[in-house]
């Protein structure tokens, strides 16, 4: 993920240095947006995996396990 961030920084610096060729600027911006979107998707997947593993961890704790069992029995 850090490599993608470095690539975006390099692209930003490239855009600042290049002459104002509009098509090239638009292309570079599109590339940056595409990379940003990929980062967002990766972070979202990582967060979902973290939440799921946290829920599995909670399932193994006694309080949460008792609560789940009571809920499954209909709150006896």
Protein backbone atom coordinates (compact mmCIF):
# COMPACT_ATOMS: atom_id res chain seq x y z
CA UNK A 1 0.00 0.00 0.00
CA UNK A 2 2.91 2.35 0.72
CA UNK A 3 4.19 1.81 -2.81
CA UNK A 4 0.88 3.10 -4.19
CA UNK A 5 1.07 6.20 -1.99
CA UNK A 6 4.63 6.84 -3.19
CA UNK A 7 3.47 6.47 -6.80
CA UNK A 8 0.74 9.05 -6.20
CA UNK A 9 3.24 11.50 -4.68
CA UNK A 10 5.53 11.02 -7.68
CA UNK A 11 2.59 11.64 -10.02
CA UNK A 12 1.71 14.82 -8.14
CA UNK A 13 5.29 16.05 -8.45
CA UNK A 14 5.29 15.11 -12.14
CA UNK A 15 2.12 17.10 -12.73
CA UNK A 16 3.67 20.15 -11.06
CA UNK A 17 6.78 19.94 -13.23
CA UNK A 18 5.28 19.20 -16.60
CA UNK A 19 4.34 21.85 -19.08
CA UNK A 20 0.63 22.51 -19.21
CA UNK A 21 -0.22 19.80 -21.70
CA UNK A 22 -3.88 19.36 -20.79
CA UNK A 23 -4.29 15.82 -22.11
CA UNK A 24 -1.29 14.59 -20.14
CA UNK A 25 -2.55 16.30 -16.98
CA UNK A 26 -5.99 14.71 -17.40
CA UNK A 27 -4.40 11.31 -17.94
CA UNK A 28 -2.25 11.67 -14.80
CA UNK A 29 -5.27 12.73 -12.73
CA UNK A 30 -7.24 9.73 -13.98
CA UNK A 31 -4.37 7.44 -12.99
CA UNK A 32 -4.26 8.99 -9.52
CA UNK A 33 -8.03 8.62 -9.06
CA UNK A 34 -7.80 4.98 -10.17
CA UNK A 35 -5.00 4.30 -7.67
CA UNK A 36 -6.89 6.08 -4.89
CA UNK A 37 -9.98 4.00 -5.60
CA UNK A 38 -7.92 0.79 -5.44
CA UNK A 39 -6.53 1.92 -2.08
CA UNK A 40 -10.03 2.64 -0.78
CA UNK A 41 -11.20 -0.81 -1.85
CA UNK A 42 -8.20 -2.50 -0.24
CA UNK A 43 -8.65 -0.60 3.02
CA UNK A 44 -12.36 -1.50 3.01
CA UNK A 45 -11.56 -5.20 2.56
CA UNK A 46 -8.91 -5.04 5.29
CA UNK A 47 -11.37 -3.34 7.66
CA UNK A 48 -14.06 -5.94 6.92
CA UNK A 49 -11.60 -8.75 7.63
CA UNK A 50 -10.60 -7.01 10.88
CA UNK A 51 -14.23 -6.62 11.95
CA UNK A 52 -14.98 -10.26 11.16
CA UNK A 53 -11.92 -11.49 13.07
CA UNK A 54 -12.88 -9.20 15.98
CA UNK A 55 -16.35 -10.73 16.00
CA UNK A 56 -14.84 -14.23 16.04
CA UNK A 57 -12.67 -13.13 18.97
CA UNK A 58 -15.74 -11.78 20.77
CA UNK A 59 -17.54 -15.05 20.11
CA UNK A 60 -14.82 -16.83 22.06
CA UNK A 61 -15.22 -14.61 25.13
CA UNK A 62 -17.50 -15.92 27.85
CA UNK A 63 -19.82 -12.91 28.20
CA UNK A 64 -20.56 -12.67 24.50
CA UNK A 65 -20.87 -16.45 24.24
CA UNK A 66 -23.40 -16.56 27.10
CA UNK A 67 -25.36 -13.73 25.52
CA UNK A 68 -25.48 -15.56 22.19
CA UNK A 69 -26.59 -18.79 23.85
CA UNK A 70 -29.36 -17.00 25.76
CA UNK A 71 -30.50 -15.26 22.60
CA UNK A 72 -30.52 -18.57 20.73
CA UNK A 73 -32.66 -20.16 23.47
CA UNK A 74 -35.13 -17.32 23.28
CA UNK A 75 -33.90 -15.35 26.27
CA UNK A 76 -34.60 -17.92 28.97
